[in-house]
Amino acid sequence: MRLHSPLPYFAAALMLPNAAPAMAASVCNPSAELAIPATTEGFYINLLTGVSAPTEGGAPGFDFNPYAAASTAPSGQLRFYWGAAATGNGGVVSSGDRYAVLSPGDSIGPNQLYSRAAITGDVSAWQTGVTRGYLGLRFRNEQSGQINYGWIQLSTSTGLGFPVTVHGWCLDDSGAAVVIPDAIFADTFGS
């Protein structure tokens, strides 16, 4: 389901620095609580519609797919899949293809480094056991056709990364950069 955040202007301003009230177009799903199965399909998630499913066909226009890779050593390691290259989808990386664990106050926008690497992506930072960390991302909004920025809040486990839980996400559907809210504000999103 698509949820427009009922944030007052001051809260939207925390997420979207320098944005005028009319530009604060937050789309959030603050309490998704999706348990990601440790399978080669994982779970496909469409961030705009909120539709998620264990198959690609079940979540048309999916933007993000955490899954367990079969061809890693050892097999079953957490990986992220972003769909077809034409989508422009990708996750924020600290360098190369190493997916970063972000924190409140971090920005996500056109100035960050992104990767689309799936099976070769480095998710070692997420395999250390992360409690409610943030994965920054960009994706092509299938409704507007433009790149949007946002974050997904995840918890992972030590070892292969599983079990994994997607707690929720938030994005700006105007294409503006976003800032991960501080801990007090994050409590509004079920943190």
N, C-alpha and C. Protein backbone atom coordinates (compact mmCIF):
# COMPACT_ATOMS: atom_id res chain seq x y z
N MET A 1 0.83 -1.16 0.00
CA MET A 1 0.00 0.00 0.00
C MET A 1 0.88 1.23 0.00
N ARG A 2 0.46 2.28 -0.64
CA ARG A 2 1.19 3.53 -0.72
C ARG A 2 0.76 4.39 0.44
N LEU A 3 1.71 4.82 1.23
CA LEU A 3 1.41 5.63 2.39
C LEU A 3 2.07 6.99 2.24
N HIS A 4 1.29 8.03 2.26
CA HIS A 4 1.86 9.37 2.29
C HIS A 4 2.02 9.73 3.74
N SER A 5 3.20 10.11 4.07
CA SER A 5 3.49 10.41 5.46
C SER A 5 2.71 11.63 5.92
N PRO A 6 2.04 11.53 7.06
CA PRO A 6 1.30 12.67 7.60
C PRO A 6 2.20 13.57 8.42
N LEU A 7 3.42 13.78 7.97
CA LEU A 7 4.39 14.55 8.74
C LEU A 7 4.05 16.03 8.71
N PRO A 8 4.18 16.69 9.84
CA PRO A 8 4.06 18.15 9.81
C PRO A 8 5.25 18.73 9.06
N TYR A 9 5.13 19.97 8.63
CA TYR A 9 6.17 20.59 7.83
C TYR A 9 7.54 20.49 8.48
N PHE A 10 7.64 20.74 9.79
CA PHE A 10 8.95 20.72 10.42
C PHE A 10 9.59 19.35 10.33
N ALA A 11 8.83 18.29 10.41
CA ALA A 11 9.38 16.94 10.30
C ALA A 11 9.82 16.66 8.87
N ALA A 12 9.03 17.09 7.91
CA ALA A 12 9.41 16.91 6.50
C ALA A 12 10.68 17.69 6.22
N ALA A 13 10.83 18.85 6.81
CA ALA A 13 12.02 19.65 6.60
C ALA A 13 13.26 18.95 7.14
N LEU A 14 13.12 18.15 8.21
CA LEU A 14 14.24 17.39 8.72
C LEU A 14 14.72 16.38 7.69
N MET A 15 13.80 15.80 6.95
CA MET A 15 14.15 14.80 5.95
C MET A 15 14.62 15.43 4.65
N LEU A 16 14.10 16.59 4.31
CA LEU A 16 14.37 17.20 3.02
C LEU A 16 14.92 18.61 3.21
N PRO A 17 16.21 18.71 3.50
CA PRO A 17 16.76 20.03 3.75
C PRO A 17 16.55 20.96 2.56
N ASN A 18 16.27 22.23 2.87
CA ASN A 18 16.08 23.27 1.87
C ASN A 18 14.86 23.04 0.99
N ALA A 19 13.94 22.22 1.41
CA ALA A 19 12.74 21.97 0.61
C ALA A 19 11.61 22.88 1.08
N ALA A 20 10.87 23.41 0.13
CA ALA A 20 9.69 24.20 0.45
C ALA A 20 8.56 23.24 0.83
N PRO A 21 7.56 23.68 1.58
CA PRO A 21 6.50 22.79 2.00
C PRO A 21 5.85 22.03 0.85
N ALA A 22 5.67 22.66 -0.30
CA ALA A 22 5.01 22.00 -1.42
C ALA A 22 5.86 20.89 -2.02
N MET A 23 7.17 20.90 -1.78
CA MET A 23 8.06 19.91 -2.35
C MET A 23 8.24 18.69 -1.45
N ALA A 24 7.76 18.76 -0.23
CA ALA A 24 7.93 17.65 0.71
C ALA A 24 6.96 16.53 0.34
N ALA A 25 7.42 15.63 -0.51
CA ALA A 25 6.57 14.56 -1.02
C ALA A 25 7.06 13.22 -0.50
N SER A 26 6.97 13.03 0.81
CA SER A 26 7.44 11.79 1.42
C SER A 26 6.48 10.65 1.18
N VAL A 27 7.02 9.51 0.83
CA VAL A 27 6.26 8.28 0.72
C VAL A 27 6.93 7.31 1.68
N CYS A 28 6.21 6.88 2.68
CA CYS A 28 6.82 6.05 3.72
C CYS A 28 5.96 4.83 4.02
N ASN A 29 6.62 3.79 4.39
CA ASN A 29 5.98 2.61 4.94
C ASN A 29 6.76 2.32 6.22
N PRO A 30 6.35 2.95 7.32
CA PRO A 30 7.16 2.92 8.53
C PRO A 30 7.12 1.61 9.30
N SER A 31 6.23 0.72 8.97
CA SER A 31 6.12 -0.50 9.78
C SER A 31 5.88 -1.74 8.91
N ALA A 32 6.72 -1.90 7.89
CA ALA A 32 6.54 -3.03 6.97
C ALA A 32 6.74 -4.37 7.68
N GLU A 33 7.79 -4.47 8.49
CA GLU A 33 8.13 -5.69 9.24
C GLU A 33 8.05 -6.94 8.36
N LEU A 34 8.86 -6.93 7.30
CA LEU A 34 8.91 -8.06 6.37
C LEU A 34 10.06 -9.00 6.74
N ALA A 35 9.75 -10.23 7.07
CA ALA A 35 10.77 -11.24 7.32
C ALA A 35 11.20 -11.78 5.97
N ILE A 36 12.46 -11.58 5.62
CA ILE A 36 12.98 -11.98 4.32
C ILE A 36 13.40 -13.45 4.39
N PRO A 37 12.81 -14.29 3.56
CA PRO A 37 13.21 -15.70 3.59
C PRO A 37 14.61 -15.90 3.02
N ALA A 38 15.35 -16.83 3.59
CA ALA A 38 16.71 -17.13 3.12
C ALA A 38 16.63 -18.07 1.93
N THR A 39 16.04 -17.56 0.84
CA THR A 39 15.88 -18.33 -0.40
C THR A 39 16.53 -17.57 -1.55
N THR A 40 16.69 -18.24 -2.66
CA THR A 40 17.29 -17.57 -3.82
C THR A 40 16.37 -16.52 -4.43
N GLU A 41 15.12 -16.51 -4.08
CA GLU A 41 14.19 -15.46 -4.52
C GLU A 41 14.09 -14.36 -3.47
N GLY A 42 14.23 -14.68 -2.19
CA GLY A 42 14.09 -13.68 -1.15
C GLY A 42 12.73 -13.03 -1.19
N PHE A 43 12.73 -11.69 -1.23
CA PHE A 43 11.48 -10.94 -1.27
C PHE A 43 11.66 -9.74 -2.18
N TYR A 44 10.73 -9.54 -3.11
CA TYR A 44 10.75 -8.41 -4.04
C TYR A 44 9.85 -7.33 -3.46
N ILE A 45 10.34 -6.07 -3.45
CA ILE A 45 9.61 -4.98 -2.81
C ILE A 45 9.48 -3.81 -3.77
N ASN A 46 8.25 -3.34 -3.99
CA ASN A 46 7.99 -2.12 -4.73
C ASN A 46 7.81 -1.03 -3.69
N LEU A 47 8.73 -0.09 -3.64
CA LEU A 47 8.73 0.94 -2.60
C LEU A 47 7.59 1.93 -2.73
N LEU A 48 7.11 2.19 -3.93
CA LEU A 48 6.02 3.14 -4.12
C LEU A 48 4.66 2.56 -3.77
N THR A 49 4.42 1.32 -4.19
CA THR A 49 3.10 0.73 -3.95
C THR A 49 3.05 -0.03 -2.63
N GLY A 50 4.21 -0.39 -2.09
CA GLY A 50 4.26 -1.18 -0.86
C GLY A 50 4.02 -2.66 -1.10
N VAL A 51 3.84 -3.06 -2.36
CA VAL A 51 3.60 -4.46 -2.67
C VAL A 51 4.92 -5.22 -2.54
N SER A 52 4.87 -6.36 -1.85
CA SER A 52 6.03 -7.23 -1.72
C SER A 52 5.59 -8.67 -1.91
N ALA A 53 6.50 -9.48 -2.44
CA ALA A 53 6.14 -10.87 -2.73
C ALA A 53 7.40 -11.71 -2.85
N PRO A 54 7.27 -13.04 -2.68
CA PRO A 54 8.42 -13.93 -2.81
C PRO A 54 8.80 -14.26 -4.26
N THR A 55 8.10 -13.65 -5.22
CA THR A 55 8.45 -13.82 -6.64
C THR A 55 8.44 -12.45 -7.31
N GLU A 56 9.24 -12.31 -8.35
CA GLU A 56 9.29 -11.03 -9.08
C GLU A 56 7.94 -10.66 -9.66
N GLY A 57 7.23 -11.64 -10.20
CA GLY A 57 5.92 -11.38 -10.79
C GLY A 57 4.88 -10.94 -9.78
N GLY A 58 5.10 -11.26 -8.52
CA GLY A 58 4.15 -10.87 -7.47
C GLY A 58 4.28 -9.42 -7.03
N ALA A 59 5.39 -8.76 -7.40
CA ALA A 59 5.62 -7.36 -7.02
C ALA A 59 6.04 -6.58 -8.28
N PRO A 60 5.08 -6.35 -9.20
CA PRO A 60 5.41 -5.65 -10.45
C PRO A 60 6.12 -4.33 -10.18
N GLY A 61 7.15 -4.05 -10.97
CA GLY A 61 7.91 -2.80 -10.81
C GLY A 61 8.74 -2.78 -9.55
N PHE A 62 9.14 -3.96 -9.04
CA PHE A 62 9.90 -4.00 -7.78
C PHE A 62 11.14 -3.12 -7.88
N ASP A 63 11.57 -2.60 -6.71
CA ASP A 63 12.72 -1.71 -6.64
C ASP A 63 13.90 -2.33 -5.91
N PHE A 64 13.61 -3.31 -5.05
CA PHE A 64 14.64 -3.86 -4.16
C PHE A 64 14.31 -5.32 -3.88
N ASN A 65 15.36 -6.16 -3.89
CA ASN A 65 15.17 -7.59 -3.65
C ASN A 65 16.33 -8.14 -2.82
N PRO A 66 16.17 -8.24 -1.50
CA PRO A 66 17.16 -8.94 -0.69
C PRO A 66 16.93 -10.44 -0.84
N TYR A 67 18.01 -11.23 -0.97
CA TYR A 67 17.86 -12.66 -1.21
C TYR A 67 19.10 -13.39 -0.71
N ALA A 68 19.04 -14.73 -0.67
CA ALA A 68 20.17 -15.57 -0.30
C ALA A 68 20.78 -16.14 -1.58
N ALA A 69 22.04 -15.84 -1.81
CA ALA A 69 22.70 -16.27 -3.04
C ALA A 69 23.08 -17.76 -2.97
N ALA A 70 22.82 -18.46 -4.04
CA ALA A 70 23.15 -19.89 -4.11
C ALA A 70 24.59 -20.11 -4.53
N SER A 71 25.18 -19.15 -5.26
CA SER A 71 26.52 -19.38 -5.82
C SER A 71 27.61 -18.58 -5.10
N THR A 72 27.44 -18.38 -3.80
CA THR A 72 28.49 -17.76 -3.00
C THR A 72 29.15 -18.85 -2.17
N ALA A 73 30.32 -18.57 -1.64
CA ALA A 73 30.99 -19.54 -0.78
C ALA A 73 31.18 -18.90 0.59
N PRO A 74 30.45 -19.34 1.62
CA PRO A 74 29.45 -20.40 1.58
C PRO A 74 28.16 -19.90 0.94
N SER A 75 27.35 -20.84 0.49
CA SER A 75 26.09 -20.44 -0.14
C SER A 75 25.12 -19.93 0.91
N GLY A 76 24.13 -19.19 0.45
CA GLY A 76 23.10 -18.66 1.34
C GLY A 76 23.41 -17.30 1.92
N GLN A 77 24.44 -16.62 1.42
CA GLN A 77 24.78 -15.28 1.92
C GLN A 77 23.78 -14.24 1.43
N LEU A 78 23.49 -13.26 2.26
CA LEU A 78 22.64 -12.14 1.90
C LEU A 78 23.23 -11.39 0.71
N ARG A 79 22.36 -11.05 -0.25
CA ARG A 79 22.74 -10.22 -1.39
C ARG A 79 21.55 -9.31 -1.71
N PHE A 80 21.81 -8.26 -2.48
CA PHE A 80 20.77 -7.31 -2.90
C PHE A 80 20.69 -7.33 -4.42
N TYR A 81 19.48 -7.42 -4.95
CA TYR A 81 19.25 -7.38 -6.39
C TYR A 81 18.39 -6.16 -6.69
N TRP A 82 18.72 -5.45 -7.77
CA TRP A 82 18.08 -4.17 -8.08
C TRP A 82 17.25 -4.19 -9.36
N GLY A 83 17.12 -5.32 -10.02
CA GLY A 83 16.33 -5.39 -11.24
C GLY A 83 17.14 -5.03 -12.47
N ALA A 84 16.44 -4.80 -13.56
CA ALA A 84 17.07 -4.51 -14.85
C ALA A 84 17.91 -3.24 -14.78
N ALA A 85 19.00 -3.21 -15.56
CA ALA A 85 19.90 -2.05 -15.57
C ALA A 85 19.18 -0.77 -15.96
N ALA A 86 18.13 -0.86 -16.77
CA ALA A 86 17.41 0.32 -17.23
C ALA A 86 16.72 1.07 -16.10
N THR A 87 16.52 0.43 -14.95
CA THR A 87 15.82 1.11 -13.85
C THR A 87 16.68 2.17 -13.18
N GLY A 88 18.00 2.01 -13.26
CA GLY A 88 18.88 2.94 -12.55
C GLY A 88 18.95 2.65 -11.07
N ASN A 89 18.31 1.59 -10.61
CA ASN A 89 18.28 1.26 -9.18
C ASN A 89 19.66 0.90 -8.68
N GLY A 90 19.92 1.18 -7.41
CA GLY A 90 21.18 0.81 -6.79
C GLY A 90 21.21 1.22 -5.34
N GLY A 91 22.17 0.67 -4.60
CA GLY A 91 22.32 0.98 -3.19
C GLY A 91 23.57 1.79 -2.93
N VAL A 92 23.56 2.58 -1.86
CA VAL A 92 24.70 3.40 -1.47
C VAL A 92 25.84 2.49 -1.02
N VAL A 93 27.03 2.78 -1.54
CA VAL A 93 28.22 2.02 -1.19
C VAL A 93 29.25 2.95 -0.55
N SER A 94 30.10 2.37 0.31
CA SER A 94 31.17 3.15 0.92
C SER A 94 32.35 3.24 -0.03
N SER A 95 32.57 2.21 -0.83
CA SER A 95 33.59 2.20 -1.88
C SER A 95 33.35 0.96 -2.74
N GLY A 96 33.79 1.02 -3.99
CA GLY A 96 33.59 -0.12 -4.87
C GLY A 96 32.15 -0.60 -4.86
N ASP A 97 31.96 -1.88 -4.54
CA ASP A 97 30.63 -2.47 -4.46
C ASP A 97 30.26 -2.86 -3.03
N ARG A 98 30.87 -2.19 -2.03
CA ARG A 98 30.62 -2.49 -0.62
C ARG A 98 29.42 -1.67 -0.12
N TYR A 99 28.29 -2.35 0.06
CA TYR A 99 27.07 -1.68 0.51
C TYR A 99 27.24 -1.14 1.92
N ALA A 100 26.97 0.14 2.08
CA ALA A 100 27.18 0.83 3.35
C ALA A 100 25.99 0.67 4.29
N VAL A 101 26.30 0.61 5.57
CA VAL A 101 25.28 0.69 6.62
C VAL A 101 25.26 2.15 7.05
N LEU A 102 24.15 2.83 6.76
CA LEU A 102 24.05 4.26 7.05
C LEU A 102 23.39 4.48 8.41
N SER A 103 23.50 5.71 8.88
CA SER A 103 22.99 6.10 10.20
C SER A 103 22.16 7.37 10.10
N PRO A 104 21.40 7.70 11.15
CA PRO A 104 20.68 8.97 11.15
C PRO A 104 21.63 10.14 10.86
N GLY A 105 21.16 11.07 10.06
CA GLY A 105 21.94 12.23 9.66
C GLY A 105 22.63 12.07 8.31
N ASP A 106 22.76 10.83 7.83
CA ASP A 106 23.38 10.60 6.53
C ASP A 106 22.44 11.03 5.41
N SER A 107 23.02 11.62 4.35
CA SER A 107 22.26 12.06 3.18
C SER A 107 22.27 10.99 2.11
N ILE A 108 21.19 10.95 1.34
CA ILE A 108 21.08 10.06 0.20
C ILE A 108 20.57 10.89 -0.96
N GLY A 109 21.37 11.00 -2.00
CA GLY A 109 21.01 11.83 -3.14
C GLY A 109 21.98 11.59 -4.28
N PRO A 110 22.03 12.50 -5.24
CA PRO A 110 22.86 12.29 -6.43
C PRO A 110 24.36 12.32 -6.16
N ASN A 111 24.80 12.80 -5.00
CA ASN A 111 26.23 12.91 -4.73
C ASN A 111 26.84 11.67 -4.08
N GLN A 112 26.04 10.66 -3.75
CA GLN A 112 26.56 9.45 -3.15
C GLN A 112 27.02 8.48 -4.23
N LEU A 113 27.81 7.50 -3.82
CA LEU A 113 28.23 6.42 -4.71
C LEU A 113 27.20 5.30 -4.62
N TYR A 114 26.86 4.70 -5.77
CA TYR A 114 25.86 3.63 -5.82
C TYR A 114 26.44 2.44 -6.56
N SER A 115 25.91 1.27 -6.23
CA SER A 115 26.25 0.06 -6.95
C SER A 115 24.98 -0.70 -7.26
N ARG A 116 25.05 -1.45 -8.35
CA ARG A 116 23.96 -2.36 -8.74
C ARG A 116 24.39 -3.80 -8.55
N ALA A 117 25.62 -4.01 -8.08
CA ALA A 117 26.17 -5.36 -7.99
C ALA A 117 25.28 -6.25 -7.13
N ALA A 118 24.91 -7.39 -7.69
CA ALA A 118 24.06 -8.34 -6.98
C ALA A 118 24.94 -9.45 -6.40
N ILE A 119 25.19 -10.48 -7.16
CA ILE A 119 25.96 -11.62 -6.67
C ILE A 119 27.38 -11.21 -6.27
N THR A 120 27.96 -10.21 -6.96
CA THR A 120 29.32 -9.77 -6.65
C THR A 120 29.35 -8.61 -5.66
N GLY A 121 28.18 -8.14 -5.23
CA GLY A 121 28.13 -7.04 -4.27
C GLY A 121 28.68 -7.46 -2.91
N ASP A 122 29.36 -6.54 -2.25
CA ASP A 122 29.96 -6.81 -0.95
C ASP A 122 28.98 -6.36 0.14
N VAL A 123 28.35 -7.31 0.79
CA VAL A 123 27.41 -7.01 1.87
C VAL A 123 27.99 -7.36 3.24
N SER A 124 29.32 -7.45 3.31
CA SER A 124 29.96 -7.86 4.56
C SER A 124 29.60 -6.95 5.73
N ALA A 125 29.40 -5.67 5.49
CA ALA A 125 29.00 -4.77 6.58
C ALA A 125 27.63 -5.13 7.13
N TRP A 126 26.79 -5.73 6.28
CA TRP A 126 25.44 -6.15 6.70
C TRP A 126 25.45 -7.54 7.31
N GLN A 127 26.53 -8.30 7.13
CA GLN A 127 26.60 -9.65 7.66
C GLN A 127 27.20 -9.70 9.06
N THR A 128 27.43 -8.56 9.65
CA THR A 128 28.01 -8.50 11.00
C THR A 128 26.94 -8.48 12.08
N GLY A 129 25.68 -8.48 11.68
CA GLY A 129 24.59 -8.38 12.64
C GLY A 129 24.26 -6.92 12.90
N VAL A 130 23.43 -6.35 12.07
CA VAL A 130 23.05 -4.94 12.15
C VAL A 130 21.64 -4.85 12.73
N THR A 131 21.48 -4.00 13.73
CA THR A 131 20.17 -3.77 14.31
C THR A 131 19.65 -2.43 13.82
N ARG A 132 18.61 -2.49 12.99
CA ARG A 132 17.96 -1.29 12.46
C ARG A 132 18.93 -0.31 11.81
N GLY A 133 19.74 -0.83 10.89
CA GLY A 133 20.61 0.01 10.08
C GLY A 133 19.86 0.49 8.85
N TYR A 134 20.45 1.43 8.14
CA TYR A 134 19.80 2.02 6.97
C TYR A 134 20.60 1.73 5.71
N LEU A 135 19.90 1.27 4.69
CA LEU A 135 20.48 1.09 3.37
C LEU A 135 19.94 2.22 2.50
N GLY A 136 20.83 3.10 2.05
CA GLY A 136 20.41 4.17 1.15
C GLY A 136 20.25 3.61 -0.25
N LEU A 137 19.35 4.19 -1.02
CA LEU A 137 19.12 3.68 -2.36
C LEU A 137 18.59 4.74 -3.30
N ARG A 138 18.70 4.43 -4.57
CA ARG A 138 18.07 5.23 -5.62
C ARG A 138 17.31 4.25 -6.50
N PHE A 139 16.24 4.72 -7.12
CA PHE A 139 15.46 3.87 -8.01
C PHE A 139 14.65 4.72 -8.95
N ARG A 140 14.29 4.15 -10.09
CA ARG A 140 13.47 4.86 -11.05
C ARG A 140 12.01 4.71 -10.64
N ASN A 141 11.38 5.84 -10.40
CA ASN A 141 9.96 5.89 -10.04
C ASN A 141 9.16 5.52 -11.28
N GLU A 142 8.45 4.40 -11.24
CA GLU A 142 7.72 3.94 -12.42
C GLU A 142 6.55 4.85 -12.78
N GLN A 143 6.13 5.71 -11.86
CA GLN A 143 5.03 6.62 -12.15
C GLN A 143 5.51 7.90 -12.82
N SER A 144 6.63 8.46 -12.32
CA SER A 144 7.14 9.72 -12.88
C SER A 144 8.27 9.52 -13.89
N GLY A 145 8.94 8.38 -13.82
CA GLY A 145 10.07 8.12 -14.71
C GLY A 145 11.37 8.72 -14.22
N GLN A 146 11.38 9.43 -13.08
CA GLN A 146 12.61 10.05 -12.61
C GLN A 146 13.22 9.25 -11.46
N ILE A 147 14.51 9.48 -11.24
CA ILE A 147 15.22 8.81 -10.15
C ILE A 147 14.76 9.43 -8.83
N ASN A 148 14.44 8.56 -7.87
CA ASN A 148 14.07 8.96 -6.51
C ASN A 148 15.12 8.41 -5.55
N TYR A 149 15.22 9.03 -4.37
CA TYR A 149 16.17 8.63 -3.34
C TYR A 149 15.41 8.30 -2.06
N GLY A 150 15.95 7.37 -1.30
CA GLY A 150 15.32 7.00 -0.05
C GLY A 150 16.18 6.05 0.75
N TRP A 151 15.58 5.46 1.76
CA TRP A 151 16.28 4.50 2.61
C TRP A 151 15.34 3.39 3.03
N ILE A 152 15.95 2.26 3.34
CA ILE A 152 15.25 1.10 3.88
C ILE A 152 15.92 0.77 5.21
N GLN A 153 15.11 0.55 6.23
CA GLN A 153 15.67 0.16 7.52
C GLN A 153 15.64 -1.36 7.65
N LEU A 154 16.83 -1.95 7.91
CA LEU A 154 17.00 -3.40 7.96
C LEU A 154 17.65 -3.83 9.26
N SER A 155 17.33 -5.03 9.69
CA SER A 155 18.10 -5.72 10.72
C SER A 155 18.59 -7.02 10.10
N THR A 156 19.86 -7.35 10.36
CA THR A 156 20.46 -8.57 9.81
C THR A 156 21.12 -9.33 10.96
N SER A 157 21.64 -10.50 10.64
CA SER A 157 22.26 -11.35 11.65
C SER A 157 23.71 -11.64 11.30
N THR A 158 24.49 -11.97 12.32
CA THR A 158 25.89 -12.31 12.14
C THR A 158 26.01 -13.59 11.32
N GLY A 159 27.02 -13.63 10.48
CA GLY A 159 27.27 -14.81 9.65
C GLY A 159 26.89 -14.53 8.21
N LEU A 160 25.82 -15.18 7.75
CA LEU A 160 25.38 -15.02 6.36
C LEU A 160 24.47 -13.82 6.17
N GLY A 161 24.03 -13.22 7.26
CA GLY A 161 23.12 -12.07 7.19
C GLY A 161 21.70 -12.42 7.55
N PHE A 162 21.33 -13.70 7.45
CA PHE A 162 19.97 -14.13 7.75
C PHE A 162 19.88 -14.62 9.17
N PRO A 163 18.73 -14.41 9.83
CA PRO A 163 17.51 -13.80 9.30
C PRO A 163 17.66 -12.29 9.08
N VAL A 164 16.87 -11.81 8.11
CA VAL A 164 16.82 -10.39 7.74
C VAL A 164 15.39 -9.91 7.90
N THR A 165 15.25 -8.72 8.47
CA THR A 165 13.93 -8.09 8.57
C THR A 165 14.00 -6.71 7.95
N VAL A 166 13.06 -6.40 7.06
CA VAL A 166 12.88 -5.04 6.54
C VAL A 166 11.84 -4.39 7.45
N HIS A 167 12.27 -3.38 8.20
CA HIS A 167 11.37 -2.72 9.15
C HIS A 167 10.49 -1.68 8.49
N GLY A 168 10.99 -1.01 7.47
CA GLY A 168 10.23 0.03 6.78
C GLY A 168 11.14 0.82 5.87
N TRP A 169 10.55 1.81 5.20
CA TRP A 169 11.32 2.64 4.28
C TRP A 169 10.65 3.99 4.13
N CYS A 170 11.43 4.91 3.58
CA CYS A 170 10.93 6.25 3.31
C CYS A 170 11.69 6.80 2.11
N LEU A 171 11.00 7.55 1.28
CA LEU A 171 11.61 8.13 0.09
C LEU A 171 10.93 9.45 -0.22
N ASP A 172 11.52 10.18 -1.13
CA ASP A 172 10.91 11.42 -1.61
C ASP A 172 10.57 11.21 -3.07
N ASP A 173 9.29 11.27 -3.42
CA ASP A 173 8.90 10.97 -4.80
C ASP A 173 9.01 12.17 -5.74
N SER A 174 9.60 13.29 -5.26
CA SER A 174 9.85 14.42 -6.15
C SER A 174 11.24 14.34 -6.78
N GLY A 175 12.07 13.40 -6.30
CA GLY A 175 13.43 13.28 -6.80
C GLY A 175 14.45 14.02 -5.95
N ALA A 176 14.01 14.66 -4.87
CA ALA A 176 14.93 15.38 -3.99
C ALA A 176 15.74 14.40 -3.14
N ALA A 177 16.91 14.86 -2.72
CA ALA A 177 17.73 14.07 -1.79
C ALA A 177 17.00 13.99 -0.45
N VAL A 178 17.33 12.96 0.33
CA VAL A 178 16.75 12.80 1.66
C VAL A 178 17.86 12.68 2.68
N VAL A 179 17.51 12.94 3.92
CA VAL A 179 18.41 12.76 5.06
C VAL A 179 17.72 11.78 5.99
N ILE A 180 18.47 10.78 6.45
CA ILE A 180 17.91 9.83 7.40
C ILE A 180 17.65 10.58 8.70
N PRO A 181 16.42 10.49 9.21
CA PRO A 181 16.06 11.25 10.41
C PRO A 181 16.85 10.81 11.63
N ASP A 182 16.97 11.74 12.60
CA ASP A 182 17.68 11.39 13.83
C ASP A 182 16.85 10.40 14.64
N ALA A 183 17.43 9.90 15.72
CA ALA A 183 16.78 8.83 16.51
C ALA A 183 15.43 9.24 17.04
N ILE A 184 15.27 10.48 17.48
CA ILE A 184 13.99 10.92 18.01
C ILE A 184 12.94 10.90 16.91
N PHE A 185 13.30 11.45 15.75
CA PHE A 185 12.37 11.46 14.62
C PHE A 185 12.12 10.05 14.13
N ALA A 186 13.16 9.20 14.14
CA ALA A 186 13.00 7.83 13.65
C ALA A 186 11.98 7.06 14.48
N ASP A 187 11.81 7.43 15.77
CA ASP A 187 10.81 6.76 16.59
C ASP A 187 9.43 6.90 15.99
N THR A 188 9.20 7.98 15.26
CA THR A 188 7.92 8.18 14.58
C THR A 188 7.69 7.10 13.54
N PHE A 189 8.80 6.54 13.02
CA PHE A 189 8.70 5.52 11.96
C PHE A 189 8.83 4.13 12.54
N GLY A 190 8.60 3.94 13.81
CA GLY A 190 8.58 2.61 14.40
C GLY A 190 9.94 2.09 14.77
N SER A 191 10.93 2.96 14.94
CA SER A 191 12.26 2.49 15.34
C SER A 191 12.29 2.17 16.80
